[in-house]
């Protein structure tokens, strides 16, 4: 992952993290980027309960744009991933994974 990608990941994290309305202990944000479309899923865990329809307050179109930029950067380098996954547990580190 290059510096530009790291900045995009930081922006994605900031939007998702600050947009979870009722707090969380951990979350997993998964986005599949296709040609002209994006499918995203956010799983949030709080007090041991996992919720897949957590209330959020963020602009999905901004997240789409950032994910698309991340995908475009990878494509230019010859990396053909289709799914980007970000997970975070409070007090831990942000983990990213790409599925090819």
PDB file of N, CA and C in Angstrom:
ATOM      1  N   UNK A   1       0.856  -1.173   0.000  1.00  0.00           N
ATOM      2  CA  UNK A   1       0.000   0.000   0.000  1.00  0.00           C
ATOM      3  C   UNK A   1       0.900   1.233   0.000  1.00  0.00           C
ATOM      4  N   UNK A   2       0.643   2.133  -0.899  1.00  0.00           N
ATOM      5  CA  UNK A   2       1.461   3.331  -1.011  1.00  0.00           C
ATOM      6  C   UNK A   2       0.871   4.464  -0.178  1.00  0.00           C
ATOM      7  N   UNK A   3       1.621   5.549  -0.049  1.00  0.00           N
ATOM      8  CA  UNK A   3       1.236   6.680   0.790  1.00  0.00           C
ATOM      9  C   UNK A   3      -0.140   7.226   0.443  1.00  0.00           C
ATOM     10  N   UNK A   4      -0.427   7.384  -0.843  1.00  0.00           N
ATOM     11  CA  UNK A   4      -1.731   7.906  -1.258  1.00  0.00           C
ATOM     12  C   UNK A   4      -2.854   6.989  -0.796  1.00  0.00           C
ATOM     13  N   UNK A   5      -2.639   5.682  -0.892  1.00  0.00           N
ATOM     14  CA  UNK A   5      -3.634   4.710  -0.432  1.00  0.00           C
ATOM     15  C   UNK A   5      -3.843   4.821   1.080  1.00  0.00           C
ATOM     16  N   UNK A   6      -2.762   4.996   1.809  1.00  0.00           N
ATOM     17  CA  UNK A   6      -2.857   5.115   3.255  1.00  0.00           C
ATOM     18  C   UNK A   6      -3.721   6.320   3.641  1.00  0.00           C
ATOM     19  N   UNK A   7      -3.567   7.412   2.934  1.00  0.00           N
ATOM     20  CA  UNK A   7      -4.384   8.596   3.207  1.00  0.00           C
ATOM     21  C   UNK A   7      -5.858   8.320   2.912  1.00  0.00           C
ATOM     22  N   UNK A   8      -6.149   7.589   1.846  1.00  0.00           N
ATOM     23  CA  UNK A   8      -7.530   7.226   1.531  1.00  0.00           C
ATOM     24  C   UNK A   8      -8.120   6.329   2.615  1.00  0.00           C
ATOM     25  N   UNK A   9      -7.337   5.358   3.083  1.00  0.00           N
ATOM     26  CA  UNK A   9      -7.796   4.457   4.136  1.00  0.00           C
ATOM     27  C   UNK A   9      -8.071   5.237   5.415  1.00  0.00           C
ATOM     28  N   UNK A  10      -7.216   6.194   5.731  1.00  0.00           N
ATOM     29  CA  UNK A  10      -7.430   7.033   6.914  1.00  0.00           C
ATOM     30  C   UNK A  10      -8.734   7.822   6.797  1.00  0.00           C
ATOM     31  N   UNK A  11      -9.016   8.334   5.622  1.00  0.00           N
ATOM     32  CA  UNK A  11     -10.261   9.088   5.410  1.00  0.00           C
ATOM     33  C   UNK A  11     -11.473   8.183   5.547  1.00  0.00           C
ATOM     34  N   UNK A  12     -11.389   6.979   4.969  1.00  0.00           N
ATOM     35  CA  UNK A  12     -12.494   6.020   5.082  1.00  0.00           C
ATOM     36  C   UNK A  12     -12.732   5.688   6.552  1.00  0.00           C
ATOM     37  N   UNK A  13     -11.655   5.411   7.279  1.00  0.00           N
ATOM     38  CA  UNK A  13     -11.779   5.099   8.695  1.00  0.00           C
ATOM     39  C   UNK A  13     -12.439   6.247   9.455  1.00  0.00           C
ATOM     40  N   UNK A  14     -11.991   7.462   9.228  1.00  0.00           N
ATOM     41  CA  UNK A  14     -12.525   8.612   9.953  1.00  0.00           C
ATOM     42  C   UNK A  14     -14.026   8.780   9.712  1.00  0.00           C
ATOM     43  N   UNK A  15     -14.451   8.590   8.477  1.00  0.00           N
ATOM     44  CA  UNK A  15     -15.880   8.739   8.150  1.00  0.00           C
ATOM     45  C   UNK A  15     -16.708   7.644   8.809  1.00  0.00           C
ATOM     46  N   UNK A  16     -16.261   6.397   8.675  1.00  0.00           N
ATOM     47  CA  UNK A  16     -17.019   5.280   9.243  1.00  0.00           C
ATOM     48  C   UNK A  16     -17.036   5.380  10.763  1.00  0.00           C
ATOM     49  N   UNK A  17     -15.880   5.580  11.360  1.00  0.00           N
ATOM     50  CA  UNK A  17     -15.753   5.611  12.821  1.00  0.00           C
ATOM     51  C   UNK A  17     -16.609   6.720  13.429  1.00  0.00           C
ATOM     52  N   UNK A  18     -16.568   7.895  12.854  1.00  0.00           N
ATOM     53  CA  UNK A  18     -17.334   9.012  13.412  1.00  0.00           C
ATOM     54  C   UNK A  18     -18.814   8.937  13.055  1.00  0.00           C
ATOM     55  N   UNK A  19     -19.161   8.125  12.057  1.00  0.00           N
ATOM     56  CA  UNK A  19     -20.546   8.038  11.619  1.00  0.00           C
ATOM     57  C   UNK A  19     -21.379   6.963  12.288  1.00  0.00           C
ATOM     58  N   UNK A  20     -20.794   6.169  13.178  1.00  0.00           N
ATOM     59  CA  UNK A  20     -21.555   5.161  13.909  1.00  0.00           C
ATOM     60  C   UNK A  20     -22.240   5.880  15.071  1.00  0.00           C
ATOM     61  N   UNK A  21     -23.559   5.971  15.005  1.00  0.00           N
ATOM     62  CA  UNK A  21     -24.330   6.850  15.892  1.00  0.00           C
ATOM     63  C   UNK A  21     -24.304   6.420  17.360  1.00  0.00           C
ATOM     64  N   UNK A  22     -24.543   5.164  17.649  1.00  0.00           N
ATOM     65  CA  UNK A  22     -24.722   4.745  19.038  1.00  0.00           C
ATOM     66  C   UNK A  22     -23.480   4.106  19.656  1.00  0.00           C
ATOM     67  N   UNK A  23     -22.320   4.391  19.120  1.00  0.00           N
ATOM     68  CA  UNK A  23     -21.088   3.855  19.684  1.00  0.00           C
ATOM     69  C   UNK A  23     -20.864   2.397  19.314  1.00  0.00           C
ATOM     70  N   UNK A  24     -19.698   1.893  19.657  1.00  0.00           N
ATOM     71  CA  UNK A  24     -19.328   0.529  19.297  1.00  0.00           C
ATOM     72  C   UNK A  24     -18.113   0.106  20.094  1.00  0.00           C
ATOM     73  N   UNK A  25     -17.903  -1.191  20.174  1.00  0.00           N
ATOM     74  CA  UNK A  25     -16.670  -1.750  20.717  1.00  0.00           C
ATOM     75  C   UNK A  25     -15.738  -2.137  19.575  1.00  0.00           C
ATOM     76  N   UNK A  26     -16.343  -2.601  18.464  1.00  0.00           N
ATOM     77  CA  UNK A  26     -15.573  -2.925  17.266  1.00  0.00           C
ATOM     78  C   UNK A  26     -16.491  -2.802  16.059  1.00  0.00           C
ATOM     79  N   UNK A  27     -15.862  -2.672  14.897  1.00  0.00           N
ATOM     80  CA  UNK A  27     -16.646  -2.662  13.666  1.00  0.00           C
ATOM     81  C   UNK A  27     -15.862  -3.299  12.542  1.00  0.00           C
ATOM     82  N   UNK A  28     -16.600  -3.715  11.521  1.00  0.00           N
ATOM     83  CA  UNK A  28     -16.006  -4.253  10.305  1.00  0.00           C
ATOM     84  C   UNK A  28     -16.760  -3.615   9.137  1.00  0.00           C
ATOM     85  N   UNK A  29     -16.030  -2.929   8.278  1.00  0.00           N
ATOM     86  CA  UNK A  29     -16.613  -2.286   7.103  1.00  0.00           C
ATOM     87  C   UNK A  29     -16.085  -3.018   5.880  1.00  0.00           C
ATOM     88  N   UNK A  30     -16.995  -3.565   5.099  1.00  0.00           N
ATOM     89  CA  UNK A  30     -16.632  -4.349   3.911  1.00  0.00           C
ATOM     90  C   UNK A  30     -17.259  -3.681   2.708  1.00  0.00           C
ATOM     91  N   UNK A  31     -16.447  -3.441   1.685  1.00  0.00           N
ATOM     92  CA  UNK A  31     -16.967  -2.810   0.474  1.00  0.00           C
ATOM     93  C   UNK A  31     -16.463  -3.565  -0.752  1.00  0.00           C
ATOM     94  N   UNK A  32     -17.409  -3.912  -1.608  1.00  0.00           N
ATOM     95  CA  UNK A  32     -17.089  -4.550  -2.879  1.00  0.00           C
ATOM     96  C   UNK A  32     -17.252  -3.495  -3.965  1.00  0.00           C
ATOM     97  N   UNK A  33     -16.188  -3.260  -4.701  1.00  0.00           N
ATOM     98  CA  UNK A  33     -16.198  -2.234  -5.740  1.00  0.00           C
ATOM     99  C   UNK A  33     -16.206  -2.908  -7.093  1.00  0.00           C
ATOM    100  N   UNK A  34     -17.278  -2.672  -7.840  1.00  0.00           N
ATOM    101  CA  UNK A  34     -17.386  -3.208  -9.191  1.00  0.00           C
ATOM    102  C   UNK A  34     -17.372  -2.073 -10.192  1.00  0.00           C
ATOM    103  N   UNK A  35     -17.536  -2.386 -11.431  1.00  0.00           N
ATOM    104  CA  UNK A  35     -17.558  -1.333 -12.452  1.00  0.00           C
ATOM    105  C   UNK A  35     -18.907  -0.612 -12.376  1.00  0.00           C
ATOM    106  N   UNK A  36     -18.869   0.602 -11.892  1.00  0.00           N
ATOM    107  CA  UNK A  36     -20.072   1.420 -11.811  1.00  0.00           C
ATOM    108  C   UNK A  36     -20.965   1.151 -10.624  1.00  0.00           C
ATOM    109  N   UNK A  37     -20.545   0.274  -9.708  1.00  0.00           N
ATOM    110  CA  UNK A  37     -21.385   0.011  -8.541  1.00  0.00           C
ATOM    111  C   UNK A  37     -20.519  -0.322  -7.330  1.00  0.00           C
ATOM    112  N   UNK A  38     -21.133  -0.218  -6.176  1.00  0.00           N
ATOM    113  CA  UNK A  38     -20.450  -0.543  -4.935  1.00  0.00           C
ATOM    114  C   UNK A  38     -21.470  -1.147  -3.986  1.00  0.00           C
ATOM    115  N   UNK A  39     -21.063  -2.174  -3.283  1.00  0.00           N
ATOM    116  CA  UNK A  39     -21.909  -2.772  -2.256  1.00  0.00           C
ATOM    117  C   UNK A  39     -21.128  -2.748  -0.956  1.00  0.00           C
ATOM    118  N   UNK A  40     -21.702  -2.121   0.064  1.00  0.00           N
ATOM    119  CA  UNK A  40     -21.004  -1.976   1.338  1.00  0.00           C
ATOM    120  C   UNK A  40     -21.820  -2.606   2.461  1.00  0.00           C
ATOM    121  N   UNK A  41     -21.102  -3.091   3.460  1.00  0.00           N
ATOM    122  CA  UNK A  41     -21.726  -3.691   4.632  1.00  0.00           C
ATOM    123  C   UNK A  41     -20.940  -3.260   5.866  1.00  0.00           C
ATOM    124  N   UNK A  42     -21.659  -2.835   6.882  1.00  0.00           N
ATOM    125  CA  UNK A  42     -21.038  -2.432   8.135  1.00  0.00           C
ATOM    126  C   UNK A  42     -21.592  -3.301   9.257  1.00  0.00           C
ATOM    127  N   UNK A  43     -20.706  -4.002   9.956  1.00  0.00           N
ATOM    128  CA  UNK A  43     -21.073  -4.779  11.135  1.00  0.00           C
ATOM    129  C   UNK A  43     -20.477  -4.076  12.347  1.00  0.00           C
ATOM    130  N   UNK A  44     -21.301  -3.869  13.363  1.00  0.00           N
ATOM    131  CA  UNK A  44     -20.871  -3.175  14.564  1.00  0.00           C
ATOM    132  C   UNK A  44     -21.124  -4.079  15.756  1.00  0.00           C
ATOM    133  N   UNK A  45     -20.162  -4.155  16.664  1.00  0.00           N
ATOM    134  CA  UNK A  45     -20.349  -4.921  17.890  1.00  0.00           C
ATOM    135  C   UNK A  45     -20.278  -3.977  19.081  1.00  0.00           C
ATOM    136  N   UNK A  46     -21.242  -4.105  19.963  1.00  0.00           N
ATOM    137  CA  UNK A  46     -21.282  -3.298  21.177  1.00  0.00           C
ATOM    138  C   UNK A  46     -21.800  -4.169  22.307  1.00  0.00           C
ATOM    139  N   UNK A  47     -21.064  -4.217  23.403  1.00  0.00           N
ATOM    140  CA  UNK A  47     -21.424  -5.027  24.574  1.00  0.00           C
ATOM    141  C   UNK A  47     -21.696  -6.483  24.189  1.00  0.00           C
ATOM    142  N   UNK A  48     -20.906  -7.005  23.265  1.00  0.00           N
ATOM    143  CA  UNK A  48     -21.017  -8.399  22.869  1.00  0.00           C
ATOM    144  C   UNK A  48     -22.125  -8.713  21.880  1.00  0.00           C
ATOM    145  N   UNK A  49     -22.849  -7.686  21.429  1.00  0.00           N
ATOM    146  CA  UNK A  49     -23.941  -7.890  20.485  1.00  0.00           C
ATOM    147  C   UNK A  49     -23.538  -7.324  19.124  1.00  0.00           C
ATOM    148  N   UNK A  50     -23.602  -8.183  18.094  1.00  0.00           N
ATOM    149  CA  UNK A  50     -23.272  -7.736  16.740  1.00  0.00           C
ATOM    150  C   UNK A  50     -24.530  -7.278  16.024  1.00  0.00           C
ATOM    151  N   UNK A  51     -24.417  -6.121  15.377  1.00  0.00           N
ATOM    152  CA  UNK A  51     -25.540  -5.532  14.661  1.00  0.00           C
ATOM    153  C   UNK A  51     -25.097  -5.252  13.230  1.00  0.00           C
ATOM    154  N   UNK A  52     -25.910  -5.688  12.262  1.00  0.00           N
ATOM    155  CA  UNK A  52     -25.583  -5.453  10.857  1.00  0.00           C
ATOM    156  C   UNK A  52     -26.347  -4.282  10.261  1.00  0.00           C
ATOM    157  N   UNK A  53     -27.254  -3.700  11.035  1.00  0.00           N
ATOM    158  CA  UNK A  53     -28.010  -2.550  10.537  1.00  0.00           C
ATOM    159  C   UNK A  53     -27.890  -1.379  11.508  1.00  0.00           C
ATOM    160  N   UNK A  54     -26.669  -1.128  11.964  1.00  0.00           N
ATOM    161  CA  UNK A  54     -26.423  -0.050  12.922  1.00  0.00           C
ATOM    162  C   UNK A  54     -26.786   1.299  12.304  1.00  0.00           C
ATOM    163  N   UNK A  55     -27.301   2.176  13.143  1.00  0.00           N
ATOM    164  CA  UNK A  55     -27.628   3.514  12.673  1.00  0.00           C
ATOM    165  C   UNK A  55     -26.334   4.274  12.394  1.00  0.00           C
ATOM    166  N   UNK A  56     -26.279   4.882  11.224  1.00  0.00           N
ATOM    167  CA  UNK A  56     -25.089   5.629  10.835  1.00  0.00           C
ATOM    168  C   UNK A  56     -25.459   7.027  10.367  1.00  0.00           C
ATOM    169  N   UNK A  57     -24.488   7.893  10.415  1.00  0.00           N
ATOM    170  CA  UNK A  57     -24.662   9.266   9.957  1.00  0.00           C
ATOM    171  C   UNK A  57     -23.434   9.641   9.130  1.00  0.00           C
ATOM    172  N   UNK A  58     -23.356   9.074   7.932  1.00  0.00           N
ATOM    173  CA  UNK A  58     -22.287   9.441   7.002  1.00  0.00           C
ATOM    174  C   UNK A  58     -22.817   9.364   5.581  1.00  0.00           C
ATOM    175  N   UNK A  59     -22.099  10.019   4.700  1.00  0.00           N
ATOM    176  CA  UNK A  59     -22.490  10.087   3.296  1.00  0.00           C
ATOM    177  C   UNK A  59     -21.890   8.898   2.551  1.00  0.00           C
ATOM    178  N   UNK A  60     -22.726   7.961   2.172  1.00  0.00           N
ATOM    179  CA  UNK A  60     -22.261   6.760   1.469  1.00  0.00           C
ATOM    180  C   UNK A  60     -21.596   7.098   0.135  1.00  0.00           C
ATOM    181  N   UNK A  61     -22.012   8.185  -0.479  1.00  0.00           N
ATOM    182  CA  UNK A  61     -21.416   8.573  -1.759  1.00  0.00           C
ATOM    183  C   UNK A  61     -19.969   9.023  -1.585  1.00  0.00           C
ATOM    184  N   UNK A  62     -19.664   9.669  -0.467  1.00  0.00           N
ATOM    185  CA  UNK A  62     -18.278  10.062  -0.186  1.00  0.00           C
ATOM    186  C   UNK A  62     -17.442   8.806   0.014  1.00  0.00           C
ATOM    187  N   UNK A  63     -17.983   7.828   0.751  1.00  0.00           N
ATOM    188  CA  UNK A  63     -17.263   6.571   0.947  1.00  0.00           C
ATOM    189  C   UNK A  63     -17.066   5.838  -0.381  1.00  0.00           C
ATOM    190  N   UNK A  64     -18.078   5.872  -1.242  1.00  0.00           N
ATOM    191  CA  UNK A  64     -17.954   5.238  -2.555  1.00  0.00           C
ATOM    192  C   UNK A  64     -16.809   5.878  -3.327  1.00  0.00           C
ATOM    193  N   UNK A  65     -16.754   7.206  -3.318  1.00  0.00           N
ATOM    194  CA  UNK A  65     -15.711   7.911  -4.050  1.00  0.00           C
ATOM    195  C   UNK A  65     -14.315   7.542  -3.530  1.00  0.00           C
ATOM    196  N   UNK A  66     -14.160   7.485  -2.219  1.00  0.00           N
ATOM    197  CA  UNK A  66     -12.868   7.121  -1.637  1.00  0.00           C
ATOM    198  C   UNK A  66     -12.492   5.677  -1.971  1.00  0.00           C
ATOM    199  N   UNK A  67     -13.457   4.762  -1.874  1.00  0.00           N
ATOM    200  CA  UNK A  67     -13.202   3.353  -2.207  1.00  0.00           C
ATOM    201  C   UNK A  67     -12.861   3.210  -3.683  1.00  0.00           C
ATOM    202  N   UNK A  68     -13.533   3.965  -4.531  1.00  0.00           N
ATOM    203  CA  UNK A  68     -13.260   3.930  -5.971  1.00  0.00           C
ATOM    204  C   UNK A  68     -11.846   4.435  -6.254  1.00  0.00           C
ATOM    205  N   UNK A  69     -11.435   5.501  -5.585  1.00  0.00           N
ATOM    206  CA  UNK A  69     -10.065   6.008  -5.750  1.00  0.00           C
ATOM    207  C   UNK A  69      -9.047   4.953  -5.321  1.00  0.00           C
ATOM    208  N   UNK A  70      -9.324   4.278  -4.200  1.00  0.00           N
ATOM    209  CA  UNK A  70      -8.437   3.227  -3.705  1.00  0.00           C
ATOM    210  C   UNK A  70      -8.336   2.100  -4.731  1.00  0.00           C
ATOM    211  N   UNK A  71      -9.474   1.719  -5.286  1.00  0.00           N
ATOM    212  CA  UNK A  71      -9.513   0.661  -6.306  1.00  0.00           C
ATOM    213  C   UNK A  71      -8.765   1.091  -7.572  1.00  0.00           C
ATOM    214  N   UNK A  72      -8.991   2.332  -8.012  1.00  0.00           N
ATOM    215  CA  UNK A  72      -8.320   2.832  -9.212  1.00  0.00           C
ATOM    216  C   UNK A  72      -6.803   2.846  -9.030  1.00  0.00           C
ATOM    217  N   UNK A  73      -6.334   3.263  -7.853  1.00  0.00           N
ATOM    218  CA  UNK A  73      -4.893   3.254  -7.571  1.00  0.00           C
ATOM    219  C   UNK A  73      -4.333   1.838  -7.688  1.00  0.00           C
ATOM    220  N   UNK A  74      -5.044   0.881  -7.117  1.00  0.00           N
ATOM    221  CA  UNK A  74      -4.594  -0.513  -7.155  1.00  0.00           C
ATOM    222  C   UNK A  74      -4.573  -1.035  -8.583  1.00  0.00           C
ATOM    223  N   UNK A  75      -5.594  -0.700  -9.356  1.00  0.00           N
ATOM    224  CA  UNK A  75      -5.679  -1.163 -10.745  1.00  0.00           C
ATOM    225  C   UNK A  75      -4.502  -0.630 -11.558  1.00  0.00           C
ATOM    226  N   UNK A  76      -4.134   0.619 -11.339  1.00  0.00           N
ATOM    227  CA  UNK A  76      -2.982   1.199 -12.054  1.00  0.00           C
ATOM    228  C   UNK A  76      -1.684   0.456 -11.730  1.00  0.00           C
ATOM    229  N   UNK A  77      -1.612  -0.127 -10.521  1.00  0.00           N
ATOM    230  CA  UNK A  77      -0.417  -0.892 -10.127  1.00  0.00           C
ATOM    231  C   UNK A  77      -0.527  -2.356 -10.529  1.00  0.00           C
ATOM    232  N   UNK A  78      -1.650  -2.746 -11.140  1.00  0.00           N
ATOM    233  CA  UNK A  78      -1.835  -4.125 -11.559  1.00  0.00           C
ATOM    234  C   UNK A  78      -2.424  -5.019 -10.487  1.00  0.00           C
ATOM    235  N   UNK A  79      -2.937  -4.427  -9.425  1.00  0.00           N
ATOM    236  CA  UNK A  79      -3.561  -5.188  -8.346  1.00  0.00           C
ATOM    237  C   UNK A  79      -5.069  -5.210  -8.596  1.00  0.00           C
ATOM    238  N   UNK A  80      -5.621  -6.381  -8.783  1.00  0.00           N
ATOM    239  CA  UNK A  80      -7.032  -6.496  -9.147  1.00  0.00           C
ATOM    240  C   UNK A  80      -7.894  -7.017  -8.000  1.00  0.00           C
ATOM    241  N   UNK A  81      -7.896  -6.313  -6.871  1.00  0.00           N
ATOM    242  CA  UNK A  81      -8.778  -6.734  -5.785  1.00  0.00           C
ATOM    243  C   UNK A  81     -10.204  -6.296  -6.093  1.00  0.00           C
ATOM    244  N   UNK A  82     -11.157  -6.987  -5.488  1.00  0.00           N
ATOM    245  CA  UNK A  82     -12.561  -6.629  -5.685  1.00  0.00           C
ATOM    246  C   UNK A  82     -13.235  -6.227  -4.376  1.00  0.00           C
ATOM    247  N   UNK A  83     -12.654  -6.656  -3.247  1.00  0.00           N
ATOM    248  CA  UNK A  83     -13.259  -6.358  -1.947  1.00  0.00           C
ATOM    249  C   UNK A  83     -12.200  -5.775  -1.015  1.00  0.00           C
ATOM    250  N   UNK A  84     -12.589  -4.715  -0.334  1.00  0.00           N
ATOM    251  CA  UNK A  84     -11.759  -4.061   0.666  1.00  0.00           C
ATOM    252  C   UNK A  84     -12.461  -4.215   2.015  1.00  0.00           C
ATOM    253  N   UNK A  85     -11.732  -4.696   3.022  1.00  0.00           N
ATOM    254  CA  UNK A  85     -12.308  -4.900   4.347  1.00  0.00           C
ATOM    255  C   UNK A  85     -11.462  -4.145   5.371  1.00  0.00           C
ATOM    256  N   UNK A  86     -12.143  -3.382   6.216  1.00  0.00           N
ATOM    257  CA  UNK A  86     -11.479  -2.644   7.285  1.00  0.00           C
ATOM    258  C   UNK A  86     -12.130  -3.060   8.599  1.00  0.00           C
ATOM    259  N   UNK A  87     -11.313  -3.429   9.575  1.00  0.00           N
ATOM    260  CA  UNK A  87     -11.861  -3.779  10.880  1.00  0.00           C
ATOM    261  C   UNK A  87     -11.094  -3.023  11.959  1.00  0.00           C
ATOM    262  N   UNK A  88     -11.802  -2.764  13.045  1.00  0.00           N
ATOM    263  CA  UNK A  88     -11.199  -1.999  14.134  1.00  0.00           C
ATOM    264  C   UNK A  88     -11.871  -2.356  15.446  1.00  0.00           C
ATOM    265  N   UNK A  89     -11.065  -2.549  16.480  1.00  0.00           N
ATOM    266  CA  UNK A  89     -11.547  -2.726  17.846  1.00  0.00           C
ATOM    267  C   UNK A  89     -10.982  -1.569  18.653  1.00  0.00           C
ATOM    268  N   UNK A  90     -11.855  -0.910  19.423  1.00  0.00           N
ATOM    269  CA  UNK A  90     -11.403   0.246  20.207  1.00  0.00           C
ATOM    270  C   UNK A  90     -10.133  -0.080  20.974  1.00  0.00           C
ATOM    271  N   UNK A  91      -9.169   0.822  20.881  1.00  0.00           N
ATOM    272  CA  UNK A  91      -7.896   0.636  21.557  1.00  0.00           C
ATOM    273  C   UNK A  91      -6.909  -0.200  20.770  1.00  0.00           C
ATOM    274  N   UNK A  92      -7.356  -0.767  19.673  1.00  0.00           N
ATOM    275  CA  UNK A  92      -6.483  -1.603  18.849  1.00  0.00           C
ATOM    276  C   UNK A  92      -6.028  -0.865  17.616  1.00  0.00           C
ATOM    277  N   UNK A  93      -5.578  -1.608  16.658  1.00  0.00           N
ATOM    278  CA  UNK A  93      -5.139  -0.997  15.404  1.00  0.00           C
ATOM    279  C   UNK A  93      -6.147  -1.282  14.304  1.00  0.00           C
ATOM    280  N   UNK A  94      -6.156  -0.414  13.323  1.00  0.00           N
ATOM    281  CA  UNK A  94      -7.027  -0.601  12.160  1.00  0.00           C
ATOM    282  C   UNK A  94      -6.398  -1.684  11.289  1.00  0.00           C
ATOM    283  N   UNK A  95      -7.199  -2.664  10.910  1.00  0.00           N
ATOM    284  CA  UNK A  95      -6.711  -3.742  10.053  1.00  0.00           C
ATOM    285  C   UNK A  95      -7.416  -3.643   8.708  1.00  0.00           C
ATOM    286  N   UNK A  96      -6.643  -3.805   7.646  1.00  0.00           N
ATOM    287  CA  UNK A  96      -7.216  -3.781   6.309  1.00  0.00           C
ATOM    288  C   UNK A  96      -6.858  -5.083   5.604  1.00  0.00           C
ATOM    289  N   UNK A  97      -7.757  -5.482   4.712  1.00  0.00           N
ATOM    290  CA  UNK A  97      -7.541  -6.714   3.960  1.00  0.00           C
ATOM    291  C   UNK A  97      -8.180  -6.522   2.583  1.00  0.00           C
ATOM    292  N   UNK A  98      -7.530  -7.055   1.588  1.00  0.00           N
ATOM    293  CA  UNK A  98      -8.053  -6.991   0.230  1.00  0.00           C
ATOM    294  C   UNK A  98      -8.323  -8.408  -0.244  1.00  0.00           C
ATOM    295  N   UNK A  99      -9.471  -8.608  -0.870  1.00  0.00           N
ATOM    296  CA  UNK A  99      -9.806  -9.918  -1.421  1.00  0.00           C
ATOM    297  C   UNK A  99      -9.726  -9.821  -2.939  1.00  0.00           C
ATOM    298  N   UNK A 100      -9.003 -10.759  -3.534  1.00  0.00           N
ATOM    299  CA  UNK A 100      -8.773 -10.738  -4.974  1.00  0.00           C
ATOM    300  C   UNK A 100      -9.678 -11.708  -5.687  1.00  0.00           C
TER     301      UNK A 100
END
